[in-house]
Amino acid sequence: MTAARRGIPFVVSGPSGVGKSTIVRRVLDADSQVHFSVSHTTRAPRPGERDGFDYHFVTTERFFALIEENAFLEYARYQNHFYGTSRAAVDQPTEQGFDLILEVEMQGAEQLQVRLPHAVRVFIEPPSLDVLETRLRDRRTETEEVLRGRLQRAREELVYANQCHYRIVNDSVDKAVDALLKIIRDARRERG
């Protein structure tokens, strides 16, 4: 890879529980030229998540200080927690020539559509809402109320899918990973 090539940002969004994180981790393992944009969040870590690797876990006060500093390209409130993508998390790797996956929810994806118009937008969707509900229940990380909220939000997010460059139905993780890798490699060829 030449230093002159700027990396391509790939905005990956989709409903909670659709398998975005699993797909993204496997793509990162398969392609060393793709990095992951570590977002900030005010929510507590889930089992196995690490600060600075999965997310930057910060207090609400720190999150709002970052907003005041104009540090974020996008931020949003989702299920009573805040999430945001810092400018530095995008600029540093792409300036070094690495492609970058930004895993964000719909509200953040819409903001990035304006602030990163050259980004490739990919929507990961479930085979059906019934399958999504099963996946969310199997995680056993949310209360019934939160789960219902996530399912309602998923219905709304499916409308956003039409604004994306690509849609991937995650009916098989292997197929979804292959599809995302193909999108990344095709974009590299197109953009030189």
N, C-alpha and C. Protein backbone atom coordinates (compact mmCIF):
# COMPACT_ATOMS: atom_id res chain seq x y z
N MET A 1 0.85 -1.17 0.00
CA MET A 1 0.00 0.00 0.00
C MET A 1 0.89 1.23 0.00
N THR A 2 0.58 2.20 -0.84
CA THR A 2 1.36 3.42 -0.89
C THR A 2 0.82 4.41 0.12
N ALA A 3 1.70 5.27 0.60
CA ALA A 3 1.32 6.26 1.60
C ALA A 3 0.33 7.27 1.03
N ALA A 4 0.30 7.44 -0.29
CA ALA A 4 -0.56 8.44 -0.91
C ALA A 4 -2.04 8.04 -0.85
N ARG A 5 -2.31 6.76 -0.73
CA ARG A 5 -3.70 6.31 -0.71
C ARG A 5 -4.32 6.59 0.64
N ARG A 6 -5.42 7.30 0.62
CA ARG A 6 -6.16 7.54 1.86
C ARG A 6 -7.15 6.39 2.04
N GLY A 7 -7.26 5.91 3.26
CA GLY A 7 -8.17 4.82 3.55
C GLY A 7 -9.62 5.21 3.35
N ILE A 8 -10.44 4.22 3.15
CA ILE A 8 -11.87 4.42 2.90
C ILE A 8 -12.64 4.12 4.19
N PRO A 9 -13.50 5.04 4.62
CA PRO A 9 -14.36 4.72 5.76
C PRO A 9 -15.59 3.94 5.29
N PHE A 10 -15.92 2.89 6.03
CA PHE A 10 -17.09 2.07 5.78
C PHE A 10 -18.00 2.19 6.99
N VAL A 11 -19.15 2.79 6.80
CA VAL A 11 -20.11 2.97 7.89
C VAL A 11 -21.03 1.76 7.89
N VAL A 12 -20.92 0.93 8.93
CA VAL A 12 -21.71 -0.29 9.06
C VAL A 12 -22.76 -0.06 10.14
N SER A 13 -24.01 -0.17 9.75
CA SER A 13 -25.10 0.03 10.70
C SER A 13 -26.12 -1.08 10.55
N GLY A 14 -27.07 -1.10 11.47
CA GLY A 14 -28.11 -2.11 11.47
C GLY A 14 -28.67 -2.24 12.86
N PRO A 15 -29.78 -2.91 13.01
CA PRO A 15 -30.42 -3.03 14.32
C PRO A 15 -29.53 -3.74 15.35
N SER A 16 -29.74 -3.41 16.60
CA SER A 16 -29.08 -4.10 17.70
C SER A 16 -29.42 -5.58 17.65
N GLY A 17 -28.41 -6.43 17.79
CA GLY A 17 -28.63 -7.87 17.79
C GLY A 17 -28.56 -8.52 16.43
N VAL A 18 -28.29 -7.75 15.38
CA VAL A 18 -28.27 -8.31 14.02
C VAL A 18 -26.96 -9.04 13.72
N GLY A 19 -25.94 -8.82 14.55
CA GLY A 19 -24.67 -9.50 14.34
C GLY A 19 -23.57 -8.61 13.79
N LYS A 20 -23.76 -7.30 13.86
CA LYS A 20 -22.76 -6.37 13.33
C LYS A 20 -21.38 -6.63 13.92
N SER A 21 -21.31 -6.71 15.25
CA SER A 21 -20.01 -6.86 15.91
C SER A 21 -19.32 -8.15 15.51
N THR A 22 -20.05 -9.23 15.42
CA THR A 22 -19.47 -10.52 15.02
C THR A 22 -18.92 -10.43 13.60
N ILE A 23 -19.70 -9.86 12.70
CA ILE A 23 -19.28 -9.72 11.30
C ILE A 23 -18.04 -8.84 11.21
N VAL A 24 -18.08 -7.70 11.89
CA VAL A 24 -16.96 -6.76 11.84
C VAL A 24 -15.69 -7.40 12.39
N ARG A 25 -15.78 -8.10 13.52
CA ARG A 25 -14.58 -8.76 14.09
C ARG A 25 -13.97 -9.74 13.10
N ARG A 26 -14.81 -10.49 12.43
CA ARG A 26 -14.29 -11.48 11.47
C ARG A 26 -13.66 -10.81 10.25
N VAL A 27 -14.24 -9.70 9.82
CA VAL A 27 -13.65 -8.95 8.70
C VAL A 27 -12.29 -8.40 9.10
N LEU A 28 -12.20 -7.86 10.31
CA LEU A 28 -10.92 -7.32 10.80
C LEU A 28 -9.86 -8.42 10.88
N ASP A 29 -10.26 -9.62 11.29
CA ASP A 29 -9.33 -10.75 11.34
C ASP A 29 -8.87 -11.18 9.95
N ALA A 30 -9.75 -11.02 8.96
CA ALA A 30 -9.47 -11.49 7.61
C ALA A 30 -8.66 -10.50 6.77
N ASP A 31 -8.67 -9.22 7.14
CA ASP A 31 -8.02 -8.20 6.30
C ASP A 31 -7.26 -7.22 7.19
N SER A 32 -5.94 -7.32 7.19
CA SER A 32 -5.12 -6.48 8.07
C SER A 32 -5.08 -5.01 7.66
N GLN A 33 -5.58 -4.70 6.48
CA GLN A 33 -5.60 -3.30 6.03
C GLN A 33 -6.88 -2.58 6.45
N VAL A 34 -7.73 -3.27 7.20
CA VAL A 34 -8.96 -2.68 7.71
C VAL A 34 -8.82 -2.51 9.22
N HIS A 35 -9.06 -1.30 9.68
CA HIS A 35 -9.03 -1.02 11.11
C HIS A 35 -10.45 -0.76 11.61
N PHE A 36 -10.60 -0.71 12.91
CA PHE A 36 -11.90 -0.49 13.55
C PHE A 36 -11.89 0.85 14.27
N SER A 37 -12.92 1.62 14.04
CA SER A 37 -13.07 2.90 14.72
C SER A 37 -13.68 2.65 16.09
N VAL A 38 -12.93 2.91 17.14
CA VAL A 38 -13.41 2.68 18.50
C VAL A 38 -14.22 3.89 18.94
N SER A 39 -15.50 3.67 19.15
CA SER A 39 -16.42 4.73 19.56
C SER A 39 -16.37 4.96 21.06
N HIS A 40 -16.88 6.11 21.46
CA HIS A 40 -17.07 6.42 22.87
C HIS A 40 -18.50 6.05 23.26
N THR A 41 -18.69 5.61 24.49
CA THR A 41 -20.04 5.34 24.99
C THR A 41 -20.10 5.59 26.50
N THR A 42 -21.31 5.90 26.94
CA THR A 42 -21.55 6.08 28.38
C THR A 42 -22.13 4.82 29.01
N ARG A 43 -22.39 3.78 28.21
CA ARG A 43 -22.94 2.56 28.80
C ARG A 43 -21.83 1.75 29.44
N ALA A 44 -22.23 0.86 30.34
CA ALA A 44 -21.27 -0.02 31.00
C ALA A 44 -20.81 -1.10 30.02
N PRO A 45 -19.59 -1.59 30.21
CA PRO A 45 -19.11 -2.67 29.34
C PRO A 45 -19.94 -3.94 29.52
N ARG A 46 -20.17 -4.64 28.41
CA ARG A 46 -20.78 -5.97 28.47
C ARG A 46 -19.68 -6.96 28.80
N PRO A 47 -20.04 -8.16 29.25
CA PRO A 47 -19.02 -9.16 29.56
C PRO A 47 -18.08 -9.37 28.37
N GLY A 48 -16.78 -9.31 28.64
CA GLY A 48 -15.77 -9.52 27.61
C GLY A 48 -15.33 -8.27 26.88
N GLU A 49 -16.06 -7.16 27.00
CA GLU A 49 -15.67 -5.93 26.32
C GLU A 49 -14.54 -5.24 27.08
N ARG A 50 -13.63 -4.63 26.31
CA ARG A 50 -12.47 -3.96 26.89
C ARG A 50 -12.44 -2.49 26.51
N ASP A 51 -12.12 -1.67 27.50
CA ASP A 51 -12.01 -0.23 27.27
C ASP A 51 -10.85 0.04 26.30
N GLY A 52 -11.12 0.91 25.31
CA GLY A 52 -10.10 1.26 24.34
C GLY A 52 -9.99 0.29 23.18
N PHE A 53 -10.66 -0.83 23.29
CA PHE A 53 -10.63 -1.83 22.23
C PHE A 53 -12.02 -1.97 21.60
N ASP A 54 -13.03 -2.25 22.43
CA ASP A 54 -14.40 -2.35 21.94
C ASP A 54 -15.05 -0.97 21.90
N TYR A 55 -14.86 -0.23 22.96
CA TYR A 55 -15.35 1.15 23.10
C TYR A 55 -14.41 1.89 24.03
N HIS A 56 -14.52 3.23 24.00
CA HIS A 56 -13.95 4.07 25.05
C HIS A 56 -15.11 4.30 26.00
N PHE A 57 -15.09 3.66 27.16
CA PHE A 57 -16.17 3.79 28.14
C PHE A 57 -15.89 5.03 28.98
N VAL A 58 -16.81 6.00 28.89
CA VAL A 58 -16.62 7.27 29.59
C VAL A 58 -17.87 7.63 30.38
N THR A 59 -17.71 8.56 31.30
CA THR A 59 -18.86 9.06 32.06
C THR A 59 -19.68 9.99 31.16
N THR A 60 -20.90 10.23 31.56
CA THR A 60 -21.75 11.18 30.82
C THR A 60 -21.11 12.56 30.82
N GLU A 61 -20.51 12.95 31.95
CA GLU A 61 -19.85 14.27 32.04
C GLU A 61 -18.71 14.38 31.04
N ARG A 62 -17.91 13.35 30.93
CA ARG A 62 -16.79 13.37 29.97
C ARG A 62 -17.32 13.39 28.54
N PHE A 63 -18.38 12.64 28.28
CA PHE A 63 -18.96 12.62 26.94
C PHE A 63 -19.40 14.02 26.53
N PHE A 64 -20.09 14.72 27.44
CA PHE A 64 -20.55 16.07 27.12
C PHE A 64 -19.40 17.06 26.98
N ALA A 65 -18.31 16.83 27.71
CA ALA A 65 -17.13 17.67 27.53
C ALA A 65 -16.56 17.49 26.12
N LEU A 66 -16.55 16.25 25.63
CA LEU A 66 -16.08 15.98 24.27
C LEU A 66 -16.98 16.65 23.23
N ILE A 67 -18.28 16.67 23.48
CA ILE A 67 -19.20 17.38 22.58
C ILE A 67 -18.83 18.86 22.54
N GLU A 68 -18.60 19.44 23.71
CA GLU A 68 -18.23 20.87 23.79
C GLU A 68 -16.92 21.15 23.07
N GLU A 69 -16.02 20.18 23.07
CA GLU A 69 -14.73 20.32 22.39
C GLU A 69 -14.84 20.07 20.89
N ASN A 70 -16.04 19.75 20.40
CA ASN A 70 -16.28 19.45 18.99
C ASN A 70 -15.43 18.26 18.53
N ALA A 71 -15.30 17.28 19.43
CA ALA A 71 -14.45 16.12 19.15
C ALA A 71 -15.15 15.06 18.30
N PHE A 72 -16.47 15.10 18.20
CA PHE A 72 -17.20 14.03 17.54
C PHE A 72 -17.63 14.38 16.12
N LEU A 73 -17.52 13.40 15.22
CA LEU A 73 -18.12 13.51 13.89
C LEU A 73 -19.61 13.20 13.98
N GLU A 74 -19.95 12.32 14.91
CA GLU A 74 -21.34 11.97 15.15
C GLU A 74 -21.48 11.53 16.59
N TYR A 75 -22.67 11.76 17.11
CA TYR A 75 -23.01 11.20 18.42
C TYR A 75 -24.52 11.11 18.51
N ALA A 76 -24.96 10.21 19.36
CA ALA A 76 -26.40 9.99 19.48
C ALA A 76 -26.70 9.36 20.83
N ARG A 77 -27.94 9.48 21.22
CA ARG A 77 -28.43 8.80 22.42
C ARG A 77 -29.21 7.58 21.95
N TYR A 78 -28.90 6.45 22.55
CA TYR A 78 -29.57 5.20 22.18
C TYR A 78 -29.78 4.39 23.44
N GLN A 79 -31.03 4.01 23.72
CA GLN A 79 -31.38 3.23 24.90
C GLN A 79 -30.78 3.83 26.18
N ASN A 80 -30.96 5.15 26.34
CA ASN A 80 -30.53 5.89 27.53
C ASN A 80 -29.02 5.98 27.73
N HIS A 81 -28.25 5.70 26.68
CA HIS A 81 -26.80 5.87 26.74
C HIS A 81 -26.37 6.67 25.51
N PHE A 82 -25.21 7.30 25.61
CA PHE A 82 -24.68 8.08 24.50
C PHE A 82 -23.54 7.31 23.82
N TYR A 83 -23.47 7.48 22.50
CA TYR A 83 -22.44 6.86 21.68
C TYR A 83 -21.91 7.94 20.74
N GLY A 84 -20.61 7.91 20.43
CA GLY A 84 -20.07 8.89 19.51
C GLY A 84 -18.79 8.43 18.86
N THR A 85 -18.56 8.92 17.64
CA THR A 85 -17.35 8.64 16.88
C THR A 85 -16.51 9.90 16.82
N SER A 86 -15.31 9.83 17.35
CA SER A 86 -14.45 11.02 17.36
C SER A 86 -13.81 11.23 15.98
N ARG A 87 -13.50 12.49 15.71
CA ARG A 87 -12.80 12.83 14.47
C ARG A 87 -11.45 12.10 14.39
N ALA A 88 -10.74 12.07 15.52
CA ALA A 88 -9.42 11.44 15.56
C ALA A 88 -9.50 9.95 15.23
N ALA A 89 -10.56 9.29 15.67
CA ALA A 89 -10.71 7.85 15.42
C ALA A 89 -10.85 7.55 13.94
N VAL A 90 -11.30 8.54 13.15
CA VAL A 90 -11.45 8.37 11.71
C VAL A 90 -10.23 8.91 10.97
N ASP A 91 -9.79 10.11 11.32
CA ASP A 91 -8.71 10.75 10.57
C ASP A 91 -7.38 10.03 10.67
N GLN A 92 -7.00 9.60 11.86
CA GLN A 92 -5.68 9.00 12.04
C GLN A 92 -5.47 7.77 11.17
N PRO A 93 -6.32 6.74 11.25
CA PRO A 93 -6.05 5.56 10.41
C PRO A 93 -6.23 5.81 8.91
N THR A 94 -7.24 6.59 8.52
CA THR A 94 -7.45 6.79 7.08
C THR A 94 -6.33 7.62 6.47
N GLU A 95 -5.77 8.57 7.22
CA GLU A 95 -4.63 9.33 6.71
C GLU A 95 -3.40 8.44 6.54
N GLN A 96 -3.33 7.36 7.32
CA GLN A 96 -2.22 6.42 7.21
C GLN A 96 -2.47 5.38 6.12
N GLY A 97 -3.62 5.47 5.43
CA GLY A 97 -3.91 4.57 4.32
C GLY A 97 -4.71 3.34 4.68
N PHE A 98 -5.14 3.24 5.92
CA PHE A 98 -5.95 2.09 6.33
C PHE A 98 -7.43 2.35 6.08
N ASP A 99 -8.12 1.32 5.59
CA ASP A 99 -9.57 1.41 5.51
C ASP A 99 -10.10 1.27 6.92
N LEU A 100 -11.30 1.79 7.14
CA LEU A 100 -11.80 1.89 8.51
C LEU A 100 -13.27 1.52 8.57
N ILE A 101 -13.62 0.64 9.51
CA ILE A 101 -15.02 0.32 9.74
C ILE A 101 -15.51 1.12 10.93
N LEU A 102 -16.60 1.84 10.71
CA LEU A 102 -17.29 2.56 11.78
C LEU A 102 -18.60 1.84 12.01
N GLU A 103 -18.72 1.19 13.14
CA GLU A 103 -19.93 0.45 13.48
C GLU A 103 -20.82 1.37 14.32
N VAL A 104 -21.89 1.86 13.71
CA VAL A 104 -22.75 2.86 14.38
C VAL A 104 -24.22 2.50 14.21
N GLU A 105 -25.04 3.11 15.07
CA GLU A 105 -26.48 2.91 14.94
C GLU A 105 -27.02 3.94 13.93
N MET A 106 -28.30 3.86 13.65
CA MET A 106 -28.90 4.62 12.56
C MET A 106 -28.72 6.13 12.68
N GLN A 107 -28.95 6.66 13.87
CA GLN A 107 -28.85 8.11 14.04
C GLN A 107 -27.43 8.59 13.73
N GLY A 108 -26.44 7.84 14.19
CA GLY A 108 -25.06 8.18 13.89
C GLY A 108 -24.74 8.01 12.42
N ALA A 109 -25.28 6.97 11.80
CA ALA A 109 -25.05 6.74 10.37
C ALA A 109 -25.60 7.90 9.54
N GLU A 110 -26.75 8.42 9.94
CA GLU A 110 -27.32 9.55 9.21
C GLU A 110 -26.44 10.79 9.33
N GLN A 111 -25.87 11.03 10.52
CA GLN A 111 -24.96 12.17 10.69
C GLN A 111 -23.70 11.98 9.85
N LEU A 112 -23.18 10.76 9.83
CA LEU A 112 -21.97 10.49 9.05
C LEU A 112 -22.22 10.60 7.55
N GLN A 113 -23.44 10.35 7.13
CA GLN A 113 -23.79 10.50 5.72
C GLN A 113 -23.53 11.94 5.27
N VAL A 114 -23.74 12.88 6.18
CA VAL A 114 -23.50 14.30 5.88
C VAL A 114 -22.03 14.66 6.08
N ARG A 115 -21.43 14.20 7.19
CA ARG A 115 -20.07 14.62 7.55
C ARG A 115 -18.97 13.81 6.86
N LEU A 116 -19.31 12.60 6.39
CA LEU A 116 -18.35 11.77 5.64
C LEU A 116 -19.04 11.30 4.35
N PRO A 117 -19.33 12.23 3.44
CA PRO A 117 -20.10 11.85 2.25
C PRO A 117 -19.39 10.83 1.36
N HIS A 118 -18.07 10.71 1.48
CA HIS A 118 -17.31 9.75 0.67
C HIS A 118 -17.29 8.35 1.29
N ALA A 119 -17.87 8.20 2.47
CA ALA A 119 -17.90 6.89 3.14
C ALA A 119 -18.84 5.94 2.40
N VAL A 120 -18.52 4.67 2.49
CA VAL A 120 -19.38 3.62 1.92
C VAL A 120 -20.30 3.16 3.05
N ARG A 121 -21.62 3.26 2.81
CA ARG A 121 -22.61 2.92 3.83
C ARG A 121 -23.16 1.51 3.59
N VAL A 122 -23.04 0.66 4.63
CA VAL A 122 -23.48 -0.73 4.55
C VAL A 122 -24.46 -0.99 5.69
N PHE A 123 -25.60 -1.56 5.34
CA PHE A 123 -26.63 -1.88 6.34
C PHE A 123 -26.70 -3.38 6.50
N ILE A 124 -26.56 -3.86 7.74
CA ILE A 124 -26.70 -5.28 8.06
C ILE A 124 -28.11 -5.47 8.59
N GLU A 125 -28.85 -6.39 7.99
CA GLU A 125 -30.22 -6.61 8.43
C GLU A 125 -30.48 -8.07 8.77
N PRO A 126 -31.46 -8.30 9.63
CA PRO A 126 -31.79 -9.68 9.99
C PRO A 126 -32.63 -10.32 8.89
N PRO A 127 -32.66 -11.65 8.85
CA PRO A 127 -33.54 -12.33 7.90
C PRO A 127 -35.00 -11.97 8.15
N SER A 128 -35.34 -11.72 9.42
CA SER A 128 -36.70 -11.32 9.79
C SER A 128 -36.66 -10.72 11.18
N LEU A 129 -37.72 -10.02 11.57
CA LEU A 129 -37.79 -9.47 12.92
C LEU A 129 -37.92 -10.57 13.96
N ASP A 130 -38.54 -11.70 13.60
CA ASP A 130 -38.63 -12.83 14.53
C ASP A 130 -37.24 -13.39 14.86
N VAL A 131 -36.40 -13.51 13.85
CA VAL A 131 -35.04 -13.99 14.06
C VAL A 131 -34.28 -13.00 14.94
N LEU A 132 -34.46 -11.71 14.68
CA LEU A 132 -33.80 -10.68 15.48
C LEU A 132 -34.24 -10.78 16.95
N GLU A 133 -35.52 -10.96 17.18
CA GLU A 133 -36.01 -11.07 18.56
C GLU A 133 -35.36 -12.27 19.26
N THR A 134 -35.25 -13.38 18.57
CA THR A 134 -34.62 -14.56 19.15
C THR A 134 -33.16 -14.27 19.51
N ARG A 135 -32.45 -13.61 18.61
CA ARG A 135 -31.04 -13.29 18.87
C ARG A 135 -30.90 -12.37 20.09
N LEU A 136 -31.77 -11.37 20.17
CA LEU A 136 -31.72 -10.46 21.32
C LEU A 136 -32.03 -11.18 22.62
N ARG A 137 -33.03 -12.03 22.59
CA ARG A 137 -33.38 -12.79 23.81
C ARG A 137 -32.25 -13.73 24.21
N ASP A 138 -31.60 -14.35 23.24
CA ASP A 138 -30.52 -15.29 23.54
C ASP A 138 -29.31 -14.60 24.18
N ARG A 139 -29.13 -13.30 23.94
CA ARG A 139 -28.02 -12.57 24.57
C ARG A 139 -28.21 -12.45 26.08
N ARG A 140 -29.46 -12.39 26.50
CA ARG A 140 -29.80 -12.27 27.92
C ARG A 140 -29.11 -11.10 28.62
N THR A 141 -29.01 -9.98 27.90
CA THR A 141 -28.35 -8.80 28.47
C THR A 141 -29.32 -7.66 28.76
N GLU A 142 -30.57 -7.77 28.31
CA GLU A 142 -31.51 -6.67 28.47
C GLU A 142 -32.77 -7.12 29.20
N THR A 143 -33.42 -6.15 29.82
CA THR A 143 -34.72 -6.41 30.42
C THR A 143 -35.75 -6.52 29.30
N GLU A 144 -36.94 -7.00 29.64
CA GLU A 144 -38.01 -7.11 28.65
C GLU A 144 -38.34 -5.74 28.05
N GLU A 145 -38.34 -4.72 28.89
CA GLU A 145 -38.65 -3.36 28.42
C GLU A 145 -37.61 -2.88 27.41
N VAL A 146 -36.34 -3.08 27.72
CA VAL A 146 -35.26 -2.68 26.80
C VAL A 146 -35.35 -3.48 25.52
N LEU A 147 -35.62 -4.77 25.63
CA LEU A 147 -35.74 -5.63 24.45
C LEU A 147 -36.86 -5.14 23.53
N ARG A 148 -38.01 -4.82 24.11
CA ARG A 148 -39.13 -4.29 23.31
C ARG A 148 -38.73 -2.99 22.61
N GLY A 149 -38.00 -2.15 23.33
CA GLY A 149 -37.53 -0.90 22.73
C GLY A 149 -36.59 -1.14 21.56
N ARG A 150 -35.71 -2.11 21.71
CA ARG A 150 -34.77 -2.44 20.63
C ARG A 150 -35.50 -2.97 19.40
N LEU A 151 -36.53 -3.77 19.62
CA LEU A 151 -37.30 -4.31 18.48
C LEU A 151 -38.08 -3.20 17.77
N GLN A 152 -38.66 -2.28 18.54
CA GLN A 152 -39.37 -1.16 17.92
C GLN A 152 -38.38 -0.30 17.12
N ARG A 153 -37.22 -0.07 17.70
CA ARG A 153 -36.19 0.71 17.02
C ARG A 153 -35.74 0.00 15.74
N ALA A 154 -35.64 -1.33 15.78
CA ALA A 154 -35.23 -2.09 14.60
C ALA A 154 -36.21 -1.88 13.44
N ARG A 155 -37.50 -1.84 13.75
CA ARG A 155 -38.50 -1.60 12.69
C ARG A 155 -38.25 -0.24 12.03
N GLU A 156 -37.92 0.75 12.83
CA GLU A 156 -37.64 2.09 12.31
C GLU A 156 -36.35 2.10 11.50
N GLU A 157 -35.34 1.38 11.99
CA GLU A 157 -34.04 1.37 11.32
C GLU A 157 -34.09 0.69 9.96
N LEU A 158 -34.96 -0.27 9.79
CA LEU A 158 -35.05 -0.95 8.50
C LEU A 158 -35.42 0.01 7.38
N VAL A 159 -36.10 1.09 7.71
CA VAL A 159 -36.43 2.12 6.71
C VAL A 159 -35.15 2.81 6.22
N TYR A 160 -34.20 3.02 7.15
CA TYR A 160 -32.94 3.68 6.79
C TYR A 160 -32.11 2.86 5.80
N ALA A 161 -32.29 1.56 5.80
CA ALA A 161 -31.50 0.67 4.94
C ALA A 161 -31.51 1.13 3.48
N ASN A 162 -32.60 1.72 3.04
CA ASN A 162 -32.70 2.16 1.64
C ASN A 162 -31.76 3.31 1.31
N GLN A 163 -31.22 4.00 2.32
CA GLN A 163 -30.29 5.10 2.08
C GLN A 163 -28.83 4.63 1.98
N CYS A 164 -28.61 3.36 2.22
CA CYS A 164 -27.25 2.82 2.21
C CYS A 164 -26.85 2.35 0.81
N HIS A 165 -25.55 2.32 0.59
CA HIS A 165 -25.04 1.83 -0.69
C HIS A 165 -25.26 0.32 -0.85
N TYR A 166 -25.15 -0.39 0.28
CA TYR A 166 -25.26 -1.86 0.25
C TYR A 166 -26.10 -2.33 1.42
N ARG A 167 -26.78 -3.46 1.20
CA ARG A 167 -27.54 -4.14 2.26
C ARG A 167 -27.08 -5.59 2.29
N ILE A 168 -26.81 -6.07 3.50
CA ILE A 168 -26.41 -7.46 3.69
C ILE A 168 -27.40 -8.09 4.66
N VAL A 169 -28.04 -9.17 4.24
CA VAL A 169 -28.93 -9.92 5.13
C VAL A 169 -28.08 -10.94 5.86
N ASN A 170 -28.06 -10.84 7.19
CA ASN A 170 -27.25 -11.77 7.98
C ASN A 170 -28.05 -13.02 8.32
N ASP A 171 -28.21 -13.87 7.31
CA ASP A 171 -28.83 -15.17 7.56
C ASP A 171 -27.76 -16.23 7.77
N SER A 172 -26.51 -15.88 7.45
CA SER A 172 -25.35 -16.73 7.68
C SER A 172 -24.17 -15.81 7.92
N VAL A 173 -23.51 -15.96 9.06
CA VAL A 173 -22.38 -15.08 9.38
C VAL A 173 -21.30 -15.21 8.32
N ASP A 174 -21.00 -16.43 7.88
CA ASP A 174 -19.96 -16.62 6.87
C ASP A 174 -20.28 -15.86 5.59
N LYS A 175 -21.53 -15.96 5.14
CA LYS A 175 -21.92 -15.24 3.91
C LYS A 175 -21.87 -13.73 4.12
N ALA A 176 -22.30 -13.27 5.29
CA ALA A 176 -22.30 -11.84 5.57
C ALA A 176 -20.87 -11.30 5.62
N VAL A 177 -19.95 -12.05 6.22
CA VAL A 177 -18.55 -11.65 6.27
C VAL A 177 -17.98 -11.58 4.85
N ASP A 178 -18.24 -12.60 4.06
CA ASP A 178 -17.76 -12.61 2.66
C ASP A 178 -18.32 -11.42 1.89
N ALA A 179 -19.59 -11.11 2.10
CA ALA A 179 -20.21 -9.98 1.39
C ALA A 179 -19.55 -8.66 1.78
N LEU A 180 -19.28 -8.46 3.07
CA LEU A 180 -18.64 -7.21 3.50
C LEU A 180 -17.21 -7.13 2.99
N LEU A 181 -16.48 -8.23 3.02
CA LEU A 181 -15.12 -8.23 2.47
C LEU A 181 -15.12 -7.89 0.98
N LYS A 182 -16.09 -8.41 0.24
CA LYS A 182 -16.20 -8.11 -1.19
C LYS A 182 -16.48 -6.62 -1.41
N ILE A 183 -17.36 -6.05 -0.61
CA ILE A 183 -17.67 -4.61 -0.71
C ILE A 183 -16.40 -3.80 -0.48
N ILE A 184 -15.63 -4.15 0.54
CA ILE A 184 -14.40 -3.42 0.86
C ILE A 184 -13.39 -3.54 -0.28
N ARG A 185 -13.19 -4.73 -0.78
CA ARG A 185 -12.20 -4.94 -1.85
C ARG A 185 -12.62 -4.27 -3.15
N ASP A 186 -13.92 -4.31 -3.46
CA ASP A 186 -14.42 -3.63 -4.66
C ASP A 186 -14.23 -2.12 -4.55
N ALA A 187 -14.48 -1.56 -3.36
CA ALA A 187 -14.31 -0.11 -3.17
C ALA A 187 -12.84 0.28 -3.34
N ARG A 188 -11.94 -0.55 -2.87
CA ARG A 188 -10.50 -0.26 -3.05
C ARG A 188 -10.14 -0.21 -4.52
N ARG A 189 -10.64 -1.17 -5.29
CA ARG A 189 -10.34 -1.19 -6.72
C ARG A 189 -10.93 0.03 -7.42
N GLU A 190 -12.15 0.39 -7.07
CA GLU A 190 -12.81 1.53 -7.70
C GLU A 190 -12.12 2.85 -7.38
N ARG A 191 -11.61 2.98 -6.18
CA ARG A 191 -11.03 4.26 -5.75
C ARG A 191 -9.52 4.31 -5.93
N GLY A 192 -8.95 3.19 -6.37
CA GLY A 192 -7.51 3.15 -6.63
C GLY A 192 -6.70 3.20 -5.40
